[in-house]
Amino acid sequence: MVIHKGDADRGSLLLKINLLGPGCQVLNQTRDIDGNLAWLAANKGELMEERDADEYIERAIKRDPDVWVVELEDRSGNNPFGGEIL
């Protein structure tokens, strides 16, 4: 589900993966040194309570209203966009 629509040409992607119980993972889209798709994990890669994940996302939108936010539910925490988590 698209939670926040950012700029169609310049907006980066923030991904919230809800594991439906144990918490949420929030990933920020980036590129690795070779230009490949990669992700920076919020909260040092640790799962967050959904409330904390939503607050993190709201702060990110305030800093950069061009960001796109997509939320998905996956009990295994899979990222369908691929890319390494840095």
PDB file of N, CA and C in Angstrom:
ATOM      1  N   MET A   1       0.838  -1.155   0.000  1.00  0.00           N
ATOM      2  CA  MET A   1       0.000   0.000   0.000  1.00  0.00           C
ATOM      3  C   MET A   1       0.898   1.239   0.000  1.00  0.00           C
ATOM      4  N   VAL A   2       0.580   2.207  -0.835  1.00  0.00           N
ATOM      5  CA  VAL A   2       1.314   3.459  -0.837  1.00  0.00           C
ATOM      6  C   VAL A   2       0.756   4.329   0.283  1.00  0.00           C
ATOM      7  N   ILE A   3       1.596   4.658   1.253  1.00  0.00           N
ATOM      8  CA  ILE A   3       1.197   5.453   2.411  1.00  0.00           C
ATOM      9  C   ILE A   3       1.375   6.940   2.143  1.00  0.00           C
ATOM     10  N   HIS A   4       2.426   7.276   1.385  1.00  0.00           N
ATOM     11  CA  HIS A   4       2.704   8.681   1.080  1.00  0.00           C
ATOM     12  C   HIS A   4       3.282   8.760  -0.323  1.00  0.00           C
ATOM     13  N   LYS A   5       2.677   9.609  -1.146  1.00  0.00           N
ATOM     14  CA  LYS A   5       3.182   9.822  -2.500  1.00  0.00           C
ATOM     15  C   LYS A   5       4.176  10.968  -2.497  1.00  0.00           C
ATOM     16  N   GLY A   6       5.350  10.686  -3.000  1.00  0.00           N
ATOM     17  CA  GLY A   6       6.393  11.699  -3.088  1.00  0.00           C
ATOM     18  C   GLY A   6       6.500  12.240  -4.496  1.00  0.00           C
ATOM     19  N   ASP A   7       7.600  12.873  -4.780  1.00  0.00           N
ATOM     20  CA  ASP A   7       7.856  13.431  -6.100  1.00  0.00           C
ATOM     21  C   ASP A   7       8.069  12.299  -7.102  1.00  0.00           C
ATOM     22  N   ALA A   8       7.355  12.367  -8.218  1.00  0.00           N
ATOM     23  CA  ALA A   8       7.409  11.294  -9.218  1.00  0.00           C
ATOM     24  C   ALA A   8       8.779  11.147  -9.872  1.00  0.00           C
ATOM     25  N   ASP A   9       9.558  12.217  -9.899  1.00  0.00           N
ATOM     26  CA  ASP A   9      10.855  12.171 -10.576  1.00  0.00           C
ATOM     27  C   ASP A   9      12.045  12.051  -9.632  1.00  0.00           C
ATOM     28  N   ARG A  10      11.921  12.583  -8.424  1.00  0.00           N
ATOM     29  CA  ARG A  10      13.081  12.637  -7.535  1.00  0.00           C
ATOM     30  C   ARG A  10      12.878  11.959  -6.190  1.00  0.00           C
ATOM     31  N   GLY A  11      11.698  11.502  -5.904  1.00  0.00           N
ATOM     32  CA  GLY A  11      11.443  10.955  -4.579  1.00  0.00           C
ATOM     33  C   GLY A  11      12.105   9.615  -4.342  1.00  0.00           C
ATOM     34  N   SER A  12      12.731   9.467  -3.189  1.00  0.00           N
ATOM     35  CA  SER A  12      13.307   8.178  -2.814  1.00  0.00           C
ATOM     36  C   SER A  12      12.201   7.324  -2.184  1.00  0.00           C
ATOM     37  N   LEU A  13      12.532   6.104  -1.813  1.00  0.00           N
ATOM     38  CA  LEU A  13      11.544   5.170  -1.288  1.00  0.00           C
ATOM     39  C   LEU A  13      11.887   4.778   0.141  1.00  0.00           C
ATOM     40  N   LEU A  14      10.882   4.841   0.987  1.00  0.00           N
ATOM     41  CA  LEU A  14      10.969   4.360   2.360  1.00  0.00           C
ATOM     42  C   LEU A  14      10.007   3.189   2.443  1.00  0.00           C
ATOM     43  N   LEU A  15      10.484   2.045   2.892  1.00  0.00           N
ATOM     44  CA  LEU A  15       9.694   0.824   2.913  1.00  0.00           C
ATOM     45  C   LEU A  15       9.459   0.384   4.353  1.00  0.00           C
ATOM     46  N   LYS A  16       8.185   0.200   4.698  1.00  0.00           N
ATOM     47  CA  LYS A  16       7.814  -0.320   6.022  1.00  0.00           C
ATOM     48  C   LYS A  16       7.299  -1.735   5.814  1.00  0.00           C
ATOM     49  N   ILE A  17       7.988  -2.702   6.409  1.00  0.00           N
ATOM     50  CA  ILE A  17       7.571  -4.097   6.327  1.00  0.00           C
ATOM     51  C   ILE A  17       7.013  -4.498   7.683  1.00  0.00           C
ATOM     52  N   ASN A  18       5.717  -4.757   7.723  1.00  0.00           N
ATOM     53  CA  ASN A  18       5.043  -5.159   8.951  1.00  0.00           C
ATOM     54  C   ASN A  18       5.043  -6.677   9.008  1.00  0.00           C
ATOM     55  N   LEU A  19       5.689  -7.239  10.037  1.00  0.00           N
ATOM     56  CA  LEU A  19       5.781  -8.682  10.170  1.00  0.00           C
ATOM     57  C   LEU A  19       4.576  -9.293  10.893  1.00  0.00           C
ATOM     58  N   LEU A  20       3.551  -8.481  11.140  1.00  0.00           N
ATOM     59  CA  LEU A  20       2.280  -8.944  11.713  1.00  0.00           C
ATOM     60  C   LEU A  20       2.461  -9.649  13.049  1.00  0.00           C
ATOM     61  N   GLY A  21       3.104  -8.992  13.957  1.00  0.00           N
ATOM     62  CA  GLY A  21       3.256  -9.548  15.294  1.00  0.00           C
ATOM     63  C   GLY A  21       4.541  -9.128  15.963  1.00  0.00           C
ATOM     64  N   PRO A  22       5.677  -9.598  15.435  1.00  0.00           N
ATOM     65  CA  PRO A  22       6.930  -9.267  16.119  1.00  0.00           C
ATOM     66  C   PRO A  22       7.389  -7.827  15.947  1.00  0.00           C
ATOM     67  N   GLY A  23       6.825  -7.087  15.009  1.00  0.00           N
ATOM     68  CA  GLY A  23       7.214  -5.694  14.804  1.00  0.00           C
ATOM     69  C   GLY A  23       7.333  -5.346  13.336  1.00  0.00           C
ATOM     70  N   CYS A  24       7.968  -4.224  13.074  1.00  0.00           N
ATOM     71  CA  CYS A  24       8.128  -3.703  11.719  1.00  0.00           C
ATOM     72  C   CYS A  24       9.592  -3.411  11.454  1.00  0.00           C
ATOM     73  N   GLN A  25       9.954  -3.515  10.199  1.00  0.00           N
ATOM     74  CA  GLN A  25      11.277  -3.102   9.756  1.00  0.00           C
ATOM     75  C   GLN A  25      11.076  -1.927   8.803  1.00  0.00           C
ATOM     76  N   VAL A  26      11.886  -0.902   8.953  1.00  0.00           N
ATOM     77  CA  VAL A  26      11.826   0.255   8.071  1.00  0.00           C
ATOM     78  C   VAL A  26      13.149   0.335   7.319  1.00  0.00           C
ATOM     79  N   LEU A  27      13.031   0.424   5.993  1.00  0.00           N
ATOM     80  CA  LEU A  27      14.209   0.454   5.126  1.00  0.00           C
ATOM     81  C   LEU A  27      14.191   1.706   4.265  1.00  0.00           C
ATOM     82  N   ASN A  28      15.340   2.351   4.145  1.00  0.00           N
ATOM     83  CA  ASN A  28      15.516   3.534   3.310  1.00  0.00           C
ATOM     84  C   ASN A  28      16.260   3.131   2.047  1.00  0.00           C
ATOM     85  N   GLN A  29      15.687   3.448   0.885  1.00  0.00           N
ATOM     86  CA  GLN A  29      16.326   3.126  -0.380  1.00  0.00           C
ATOM     87  C   GLN A  29      17.600   3.944  -0.558  1.00  0.00           C
ATOM     88  N   THR A  30      18.628   3.286  -1.061  1.00  0.00           N
ATOM     89  CA  THR A  30      19.903   3.942  -1.352  1.00  0.00           C
ATOM     90  C   THR A  30      20.575   3.173  -2.482  1.00  0.00           C
ATOM     91  N   ARG A  31      21.798   3.481  -2.755  1.00  0.00           N
ATOM     92  CA  ARG A  31      22.619   2.761  -3.746  1.00  0.00           C
ATOM     93  C   ARG A  31      23.934   2.398  -3.092  1.00  0.00           C
ATOM     94  N   ASP A  32      24.483   1.251  -3.488  1.00  0.00           N
ATOM     95  CA  ASP A  32      25.792   0.878  -2.963  1.00  0.00           C
ATOM     96  C   ASP A  32      26.878   1.578  -3.782  1.00  0.00           C
ATOM     97  N   ILE A  33      28.106   1.289  -3.479  1.00  0.00           N
ATOM     98  CA  ILE A  33      29.232   1.975  -4.118  1.00  0.00           C
ATOM     99  C   ILE A  33      29.272   1.728  -5.631  1.00  0.00           C
ATOM    100  N   ASP A  34      28.678   0.619  -6.082  1.00  0.00           N
ATOM    101  CA  ASP A  34      28.650   0.294  -7.511  1.00  0.00           C
ATOM    102  C   ASP A  34      27.380   0.791  -8.198  1.00  0.00           C
ATOM    103  N   GLY A  35      26.510   1.474  -7.459  1.00  0.00           N
ATOM    104  CA  GLY A  35      25.277   2.000  -8.028  1.00  0.00           C
ATOM    105  C   GLY A  35      24.107   1.043  -7.998  1.00  0.00           C
ATOM    106  N   ASN A  36      24.280  -0.107  -7.344  1.00  0.00           N
ATOM    107  CA  ASN A  36      23.198  -1.081  -7.247  1.00  0.00           C
ATOM    108  C   ASN A  36      22.226  -0.704  -6.139  1.00  0.00           C
ATOM    109  N   LEU A  37      20.963  -1.097  -6.320  1.00  0.00           N
ATOM    110  CA  LEU A  37      19.945  -0.857  -5.299  1.00  0.00           C
ATOM    111  C   LEU A  37      20.370  -1.488  -3.981  1.00  0.00           C
ATOM    112  N   ALA A  38      20.236  -0.723  -2.914  1.00  0.00           N
ATOM    113  CA  ALA A  38      20.553  -1.213  -1.573  1.00  0.00           C
ATOM    114  C   ALA A  38      19.607  -0.512  -0.597  1.00  0.00           C
ATOM    115  N   TRP A  39      19.658  -0.913   0.651  1.00  0.00           N
ATOM    116  CA  TRP A  39      18.754  -0.382   1.680  1.00  0.00           C
ATOM    117  C   TRP A  39      19.519  -0.105   2.958  1.00  0.00           C
ATOM    118  N   LEU A  40      19.158   0.986   3.605  1.00  0.00           N
ATOM    119  CA  LEU A  40      19.669   1.293   4.936  1.00  0.00           C
ATOM    120  C   LEU A  40      18.549   0.993   5.925  1.00  0.00           C
ATOM    121  N   ALA A  41      18.828   0.157   6.892  1.00  0.00           N
ATOM    122  CA  ALA A  41      17.820  -0.240   7.871  1.00  0.00           C
ATOM    123  C   ALA A  41      17.764   0.773   9.014  1.00  0.00           C
ATOM    124  N   ALA A  42      16.569   1.209   9.325  1.00  0.00           N
ATOM    125  CA  ALA A  42      16.362   2.089  10.476  1.00  0.00           C
ATOM    126  C   ALA A  42      16.527   1.274  11.760  1.00  0.00           C
ATOM    127  N   ASN A  43      16.774   1.961  12.851  1.00  0.00           N
ATOM    128  CA  ASN A  43      16.851   1.328  14.169  1.00  0.00           C
ATOM    129  C   ASN A  43      17.932   0.247  14.227  1.00  0.00           C
ATOM    130  N   LYS A  44      19.037   0.486  13.518  1.00  0.00           N
ATOM    131  CA  LYS A  44      20.172  -0.443  13.497  1.00  0.00           C
ATOM    132  C   LYS A  44      19.764  -1.847  13.060  1.00  0.00           C
ATOM    133  N   GLY A  45      18.709  -1.914  12.232  1.00  0.00           N
ATOM    134  CA  GLY A  45      18.250  -3.192  11.715  1.00  0.00           C
ATOM    135  C   GLY A  45      17.331  -3.960  12.642  1.00  0.00           C
ATOM    136  N   GLU A  46      17.116  -3.447  13.834  1.00  0.00           N
ATOM    137  CA  GLU A  46      16.232  -4.114  14.794  1.00  0.00           C
ATOM    138  C   GLU A  46      14.771  -3.826  14.458  1.00  0.00           C
ATOM    139  N   LEU A  47      13.899  -4.773  14.753  1.00  0.00           N
ATOM    140  CA  LEU A  47      12.472  -4.537  14.552  1.00  0.00           C
ATOM    141  C   LEU A  47      11.989  -3.438  15.480  1.00  0.00           C
ATOM    142  N   MET A  48      10.947  -2.727  15.024  1.00  0.00           N
ATOM    143  CA  MET A  48      10.372  -1.626  15.794  1.00  0.00           C
ATOM    144  C   MET A  48       8.893  -1.918  16.046  1.00  0.00           C
ATOM    145  N   GLU A  49       8.393  -1.405  17.136  1.00  0.00           N
ATOM    146  CA  GLU A  49       6.947  -1.424  17.339  1.00  0.00           C
ATOM    147  C   GLU A  49       6.318  -0.611  16.209  1.00  0.00           C
ATOM    148  N   GLU A  50       5.111  -0.949  15.802  1.00  0.00           N
ATOM    149  CA  GLU A  50       4.493  -0.240  14.683  1.00  0.00           C
ATOM    150  C   GLU A  50       4.360   1.251  14.962  1.00  0.00           C
ATOM    151  N   ARG A  51       4.024   1.618  16.162  1.00  0.00           N
ATOM    152  CA  ARG A  51       3.910   3.037  16.531  1.00  0.00           C
ATOM    153  C   ARG A  51       5.241   3.760  16.319  1.00  0.00           C
ATOM    154  N   ASP A  52       6.336   3.130  16.722  1.00  0.00           N
ATOM    155  CA  ASP A  52       7.660   3.726  16.553  1.00  0.00           C
ATOM    156  C   ASP A  52       8.034   3.836  15.073  1.00  0.00           C
ATOM    157  N   ALA A  53       7.673   2.815  14.295  1.00  0.00           N
ATOM    158  CA  ALA A  53       7.936   2.847  12.859  1.00  0.00           C
ATOM    159  C   ALA A  53       7.161   3.986  12.199  1.00  0.00           C
ATOM    160  N   ASP A  54       5.898   4.158  12.593  1.00  0.00           N
ATOM    161  CA  ASP A  54       5.083   5.237  12.031  1.00  0.00           C
ATOM    162  C   ASP A  54       5.634   6.610  12.404  1.00  0.00           C
ATOM    163  N   GLU A  55       6.120   6.756  13.625  1.00  0.00           N
ATOM    164  CA  GLU A  55       6.715   8.031  14.049  1.00  0.00           C
ATOM    165  C   GLU A  55       7.996   8.305  13.262  1.00  0.00           C
ATOM    166  N   TYR A  56       8.802   7.281  13.035  1.00  0.00           N
ATOM    167  CA  TYR A  56      10.022   7.419  12.231  1.00  0.00           C
ATOM    168  C   TYR A  56       9.665   7.905  10.828  1.00  0.00           C
ATOM    169  N   ILE A  57       8.632   7.305  10.247  1.00  0.00           N
ATOM    170  CA  ILE A  57       8.198   7.662   8.900  1.00  0.00           C
ATOM    171  C   ILE A  57       7.682   9.095   8.854  1.00  0.00           C
ATOM    172  N   GLU A  58       6.914   9.492   9.843  1.00  0.00           N
ATOM    173  CA  GLU A  58       6.403  10.871   9.879  1.00  0.00           C
ATOM    174  C   GLU A  58       7.550  11.880   9.945  1.00  0.00           C
ATOM    175  N   ARG A  59       8.572  11.591  10.731  1.00  0.00           N
ATOM    176  CA  ARG A  59       9.732  12.484  10.794  1.00  0.00           C
ATOM    177  C   ARG A  59      10.447  12.538   9.446  1.00  0.00           C
ATOM    178  N   ALA A  60      10.542  11.396   8.771  1.00  0.00           N
ATOM    179  CA  ALA A  60      11.198  11.354   7.460  1.00  0.00           C
ATOM    180  C   ALA A  60      10.425  12.188   6.440  1.00  0.00           C
ATOM    181  N   ILE A  61       9.108  12.133   6.480  1.00  0.00           N
ATOM    182  CA  ILE A  61       8.281  12.915   5.553  1.00  0.00           C
ATOM    183  C   ILE A  61       8.431  14.400   5.831  1.00  0.00           C
ATOM    184  N   LYS A  62       8.525  14.776   7.097  1.00  0.00           N
ATOM    185  CA  LYS A  62       8.716  16.190   7.431  1.00  0.00           C
ATOM    186  C   LYS A  62      10.054  16.707   6.910  1.00  0.00           C
ATOM    187  N   ARG A  63      11.100  15.860   6.967  1.00  0.00           N
ATOM    188  CA  ARG A  63      12.426  16.248   6.464  1.00  0.00           C
ATOM    189  C   ARG A  63      12.452  16.287   4.946  1.00  0.00           C
ATOM    190  N   ASP A  64      11.733  15.344   4.314  1.00  0.00           N
ATOM    191  CA  ASP A  64      11.765  15.221   2.855  1.00  0.00           C
ATOM    192  C   ASP A  64      10.379  14.845   2.339  1.00  0.00           C
ATOM    193  N   PRO A  65       9.545  15.839   2.035  1.00  0.00           N
ATOM    194  CA  PRO A  65       8.199  15.537   1.554  1.00  0.00           C
ATOM    195  C   PRO A  65       8.165  14.850   0.187  1.00  0.00           C
ATOM    196  N   ASP A  66       9.317  14.766  -0.498  1.00  0.00           N
ATOM    197  CA  ASP A  66       9.379  14.084  -1.793  1.00  0.00           C
ATOM    198  C   ASP A  66       9.490  12.569  -1.668  1.00  0.00           C
ATOM    199  N   VAL A  67       9.705  12.054  -0.465  1.00  0.00           N
ATOM    200  CA  VAL A  67       9.880  10.619  -0.245  1.00  0.00           C
ATOM    201  C   VAL A  67       8.561   9.870  -0.480  1.00  0.00           C
ATOM    202  N   TRP A  68       8.678   8.711  -1.085  1.00  0.00           N
ATOM    203  CA  TRP A  68       7.539   7.801  -1.223  1.00  0.00           C
ATOM    204  C   TRP A  68       7.606   6.813  -0.065  1.00  0.00           C
ATOM    205  N   VAL A  69       6.458   6.476   0.505  1.00  0.00           N
ATOM    206  CA  VAL A  69       6.409   5.498   1.593  1.00  0.00           C
ATOM    207  C   VAL A  69       5.471   4.364   1.171  1.00  0.00           C
ATOM    208  N   VAL A  70       6.004   3.146   1.190  1.00  0.00           N
ATOM    209  CA  VAL A  70       5.231   1.956   0.856  1.00  0.00           C
ATOM    210  C   VAL A  70       5.240   1.041   2.070  1.00  0.00           C
ATOM    211  N   GLU A  71       4.063   0.557   2.430  1.00  0.00           N
ATOM    212  CA  GLU A  71       3.947  -0.395   3.545  1.00  0.00           C
ATOM    213  C   GLU A  71       3.436  -1.716   2.994  1.00  0.00           C
ATOM    214  N   LEU A  72       4.039  -2.791   3.478  1.00  0.00           N
ATOM    215  CA  LEU A  72       3.550  -4.114   3.117  1.00  0.00           C
ATOM    216  C   LEU A  72       3.569  -5.004   4.343  1.00  0.00           C
ATOM    217  N   GLU A  73       2.770  -6.050   4.266  1.00  0.00           N
ATOM    218  CA  GLU A  73       2.695  -7.023   5.359  1.00  0.00           C
ATOM    219  C   GLU A  73       3.264  -8.335   4.864  1.00  0.00           C
ATOM    220  N   ASP A  74       4.219  -8.866   5.601  1.00  0.00           N
ATOM    221  CA  ASP A  74       4.853 -10.130   5.245  1.00  0.00           C
ATOM    222  C   ASP A  74       5.431 -10.733   6.516  1.00  0.00           C
ATOM    223  N   ARG A  75       4.859 -11.823   6.948  1.00  0.00           N
ATOM    224  CA  ARG A  75       5.304 -12.454   8.207  1.00  0.00           C
ATOM    225  C   ARG A  75       6.786 -12.842   8.190  1.00  0.00           C
ATOM    226  N   SER A  76       7.332 -13.092   7.000  1.00  0.00           N
ATOM    227  CA  SER A  76       8.744 -13.474   6.921  1.00  0.00           C
ATOM    228  C   SER A  76       9.658 -12.263   6.741  1.00  0.00           C
ATOM    229  N   GLY A  77       9.081 -11.076   6.521  1.00  0.00           N
ATOM    230  CA  GLY A  77       9.881  -9.860   6.400  1.00  0.00           C
ATOM    231  C   GLY A  77      10.598  -9.698   5.080  1.00  0.00           C
ATOM    232  N   ASN A  78      10.124 -10.388   4.044  1.00  0.00           N
ATOM    233  CA  ASN A  78      10.778 -10.299   2.731  1.00  0.00           C
ATOM    234  C   ASN A  78      10.576  -8.935   2.095  1.00  0.00           C
ATOM    235  N   ASN A  79      11.634  -8.453   1.457  1.00  0.00           N
ATOM    236  CA  ASN A  79      11.593  -7.202   0.700  1.00  0.00           C
ATOM    237  C   ASN A  79      11.418  -7.564  -0.773  1.00  0.00           C
ATOM    238  N   PRO A  80      10.259  -7.284  -1.366  1.00  0.00           N
ATOM    239  CA  PRO A  80      10.015  -7.690  -2.755  1.00  0.00           C
ATOM    240  C   PRO A  80      10.822  -6.885  -3.768  1.00  0.00           C
ATOM    241  N   PHE A  81      11.453  -5.796  -3.349  1.00  0.00           N
ATOM    242  CA  PHE A  81      12.226  -4.972  -4.265  1.00  0.00           C
ATOM    243  C   PHE A  81      13.665  -5.441  -4.410  1.00  0.00           C
ATOM    244  N   GLY A  82      14.093  -6.367  -3.575  1.00  0.00           N
ATOM    245  CA  GLY A  82      15.459  -6.876  -3.655  1.00  0.00           C
ATOM    246  C   GLY A  82      16.474  -5.850  -3.187  1.00  0.00           C
ATOM    247  N   GLY A  83      17.719  -6.172  -3.357  1.00  0.00           N
ATOM    248  CA  GLY A  83      18.807  -5.292  -2.936  1.00  0.00           C
ATOM    249  C   GLY A  83      19.323  -5.674  -1.566  1.00  0.00           C
ATOM    250  N   GLU A  84      20.574  -5.395  -1.372  1.00  0.00           N
ATOM    251  CA  GLU A  84      21.257  -5.727  -0.116  1.00  0.00           C
ATOM    252  C   GLU A  84      20.904  -4.705   0.973  1.00  0.00           C
ATOM    253  N   ILE A  85      20.796  -5.194   2.196  1.00  0.00           N
ATOM    254  CA  ILE A  85      20.619  -4.293   3.342  1.00  0.00           C
ATOM    255  C   ILE A  85      22.018  -3.969   3.876  1.00  0.00           C
ATOM    256  N   LEU A  86      22.357  -2.694   3.850  1.00  0.00           N
ATOM    257  CA  LEU A  86      23.694  -2.258   4.291  1.00  0.00           C
ATOM    258  C   LEU A  86      23.744  -2.035   5.770  1.00  0.00           C
TER     259      LEU A  86
END
